[in-house]
Amino acid sequence: MSYQPTPPSPQDAVVGLIDGHQRNLGARFHSEHQTSGDTVGRFTNVAGATVEVVALAKFSRDINGDRQRSVAVGAAAKCFGFGCATPDSGESFTGPVPLDDNKWDTAAGVMPLLKTAAEWAQAHAEKCRAQPYTGR
């Protein structure tokens, strides 16, 4: 993997999720209703476990009952510590928009949700003492 001088943009990650879904629309084993995610941030707690922030894109096929393909973008944060008492922040999404709308405008809607999820993840990483999974 090549060196990246700046972190990837979360908005680019959401656009990539939308592009991937649009590319697979005609595939034989493709689902119209799915939620895809991409990790856009990671924090480490005091004990070494990770807390990840994930950008989400939820695809469905029913806006206002007209069977139109739609996408809603969202964010979530999850702690991967063994025995964590509050392992996730919950998922929050924007309202669904047609899949054929401008994907850059749609992806821009995820930024406030990601900011909230990142704030939860950082605060959680500062106080969580759960151990990382060791794989044993």
Protein backbone atom coordinates (compact mmCIF):
# COMPACT_ATOMS: atom_id res chain seq x y z
CA MET A 1 0.00 0.00 0.00
CA SER A 2 1.36 3.38 -0.93
CA TYR A 3 1.86 6.22 1.53
CA GLN A 4 -1.00 8.69 1.80
CA PRO A 5 0.08 12.13 3.06
CA THR A 6 -3.48 13.06 4.07
CA PRO A 7 -6.30 10.88 5.38
CA PRO A 8 -9.01 9.89 2.89
CA SER A 9 -12.12 12.03 2.88
CA PRO A 10 -15.23 10.47 4.48
CA GLN A 11 -17.27 12.03 1.70
CA ASP A 12 -15.15 10.14 -0.87
CA ALA A 13 -15.81 6.91 1.06
CA VAL A 14 -19.59 7.42 0.86
CA VAL A 15 -19.38 8.25 -2.85
CA GLY A 16 -17.42 4.99 -3.29
CA LEU A 17 -20.18 3.05 -1.51
CA ILE A 18 -22.83 4.59 -3.78
CA ASP A 19 -20.71 3.92 -6.90
CA GLY A 20 -20.20 0.29 -5.87
CA HIS A 21 -23.93 -0.20 -5.39
CA GLN A 22 -24.77 1.39 -8.74
CA ARG A 23 -22.15 -0.77 -10.48
CA ASN A 24 -23.67 -3.97 -9.07
CA LEU A 25 -27.32 -3.18 -9.83
CA GLY A 26 -27.57 -5.64 -12.72
CA ALA A 27 -25.66 -8.46 -11.01
CA ARG A 28 -27.27 -11.84 -10.51
CA PHE A 29 -26.91 -12.01 -6.72
CA HIS A 30 -27.30 -8.33 -5.89
CA SER A 31 -29.59 -7.15 -3.10
CA GLU A 32 -31.70 -4.03 -3.55
CA HIS A 33 -31.96 -3.59 0.23
CA GLN A 34 -28.63 -3.43 2.04
CA THR A 35 -26.48 -1.28 4.28
CA SER A 36 -22.82 -0.85 3.36
CA GLY A 37 -20.18 0.77 5.52
CA ASP A 38 -16.61 2.00 5.39
CA THR A 39 -14.39 2.84 8.36
CA VAL A 40 -13.45 6.52 8.29
CA GLY A 41 -11.96 6.97 11.76
CA ARG A 42 -10.35 4.95 14.51
CA PHE A 43 -9.51 5.72 18.13
CA THR A 44 -7.64 3.58 20.65
CA ASN A 45 -8.72 3.36 24.26
CA VAL A 46 -6.35 3.25 27.24
CA ALA A 47 -6.29 -0.57 27.29
CA GLY A 48 -5.58 -0.86 23.56
CA ALA A 49 -9.03 -1.70 22.14
CA THR A 50 -10.22 0.23 19.09
CA VAL A 51 -13.26 2.42 18.66
CA GLU A 52 -14.21 2.85 14.99
CA VAL A 53 -16.32 5.47 13.22
CA VAL A 54 -18.12 4.08 10.17
CA ALA A 55 -19.78 5.94 7.30
CA LEU A 56 -22.91 4.09 6.17
CA ALA A 57 -25.06 4.00 3.06
CA LYS A 58 -28.46 2.30 3.33
CA PHE A 59 -29.97 1.31 -0.01
CA SER A 60 -33.64 0.49 -0.51
CA ARG A 61 -36.30 0.58 -3.14
CA ASP A 62 -39.33 2.46 -1.96
CA ILE A 63 -39.65 6.22 -1.63
CA ASN A 64 -43.23 7.37 -1.20
CA GLY A 65 -44.52 3.99 -2.38
CA ASP A 66 -43.31 4.37 -5.98
CA ARG A 67 -40.63 1.59 -5.86
CA GLN A 68 -37.86 4.04 -6.76
CA ARG A 69 -34.29 3.15 -5.72
CA SER A 70 -33.08 5.29 -2.83
CA VAL A 71 -30.09 5.83 -0.58
CA ALA A 72 -29.80 7.24 2.93
CA VAL A 73 -26.37 8.06 4.34
CA GLY A 74 -25.46 7.77 7.97
CA ALA A 75 -22.83 7.15 10.61
CA ALA A 76 -22.15 4.91 13.57
CA ALA A 77 -19.40 4.34 16.12
CA LYS A 78 -18.54 0.99 17.67
CA CYS A 79 -16.16 -0.13 20.41
CA PHE A 80 -14.33 -3.39 19.81
CA GLY A 81 -13.26 -3.91 23.41
CA PHE A 82 -13.94 -7.24 25.13
CA GLY A 83 -16.61 -6.69 27.77
CA CYS A 84 -17.39 -3.07 26.91
CA ALA A 85 -20.57 -1.91 28.67
CA THR A 86 -21.66 0.52 25.90
CA PRO A 87 -20.22 -0.91 22.67
CA ASP A 88 -21.97 1.33 20.11
CA SER A 89 -23.43 4.77 19.61
CA GLY A 90 -26.33 3.60 17.46
CA GLU A 91 -26.85 4.35 13.79
CA SER A 92 -28.23 7.66 12.56
CA PHE A 93 -29.29 8.29 8.96
CA THR A 94 -30.45 11.15 6.79
CA GLY A 95 -33.76 10.89 4.99
CA PRO A 96 -33.76 8.74 1.84
CA VAL A 97 -33.08 10.42 -1.49
CA PRO A 98 -33.32 8.94 -4.99
CA LEU A 99 -30.26 6.91 -5.93
CA ASP A 100 -29.99 8.81 -9.22
CA ASP A 101 -29.50 12.18 -7.45
CA ASN A 102 -26.06 13.79 -7.38
CA LYS A 103 -23.96 11.41 -5.26
CA TRP A 104 -21.64 14.21 -4.07
CA ASP A 105 -24.58 16.20 -2.68
CA THR A 106 -25.96 13.05 -1.07
CA ALA A 107 -22.56 12.19 0.48
CA ALA A 108 -22.21 15.72 1.89
CA GLY A 109 -25.16 14.98 4.17
CA VAL A 110 -23.11 12.45 6.12
CA MET A 111 -20.59 14.97 7.48
CA PRO A 112 -22.65 16.28 10.46
CA LEU A 113 -23.57 12.70 11.41
CA LEU A 114 -19.93 11.62 11.23
CA LYS A 115 -18.92 14.55 13.42
CA THR A 116 -21.40 13.43 16.09
CA ALA A 117 -20.24 9.80 15.84
CA ALA A 118 -16.57 10.84 16.04
CA GLU A 119 -17.26 12.94 19.14
CA TRP A 120 -18.94 9.90 20.78
CA ALA A 121 -16.04 7.64 19.73
CA GLN A 122 -13.39 9.97 21.11
CA ALA A 123 -15.20 10.48 24.42
CA HIS A 124 -15.80 6.73 24.68
CA ALA A 125 -12.15 5.90 23.95
CA GLU A 126 -11.05 8.26 26.73
CA LYS A 127 -13.17 6.54 29.40
CA CYS A 128 -13.47 2.90 28.18
CA ARG A 129 -11.16 0.39 29.87
CA ALA A 130 -12.23 -2.72 27.93
CA GLN A 131 -9.41 -5.00 26.79
CA PRO A 132 -8.81 -5.69 23.10
CA TYR A 133 -9.79 -9.09 21.70
CA THR A 134 -6.76 -11.37 21.63
CA GLY A 135 -8.08 -13.98 19.20
CA ARG A 136 -7.63 -16.91 21.62
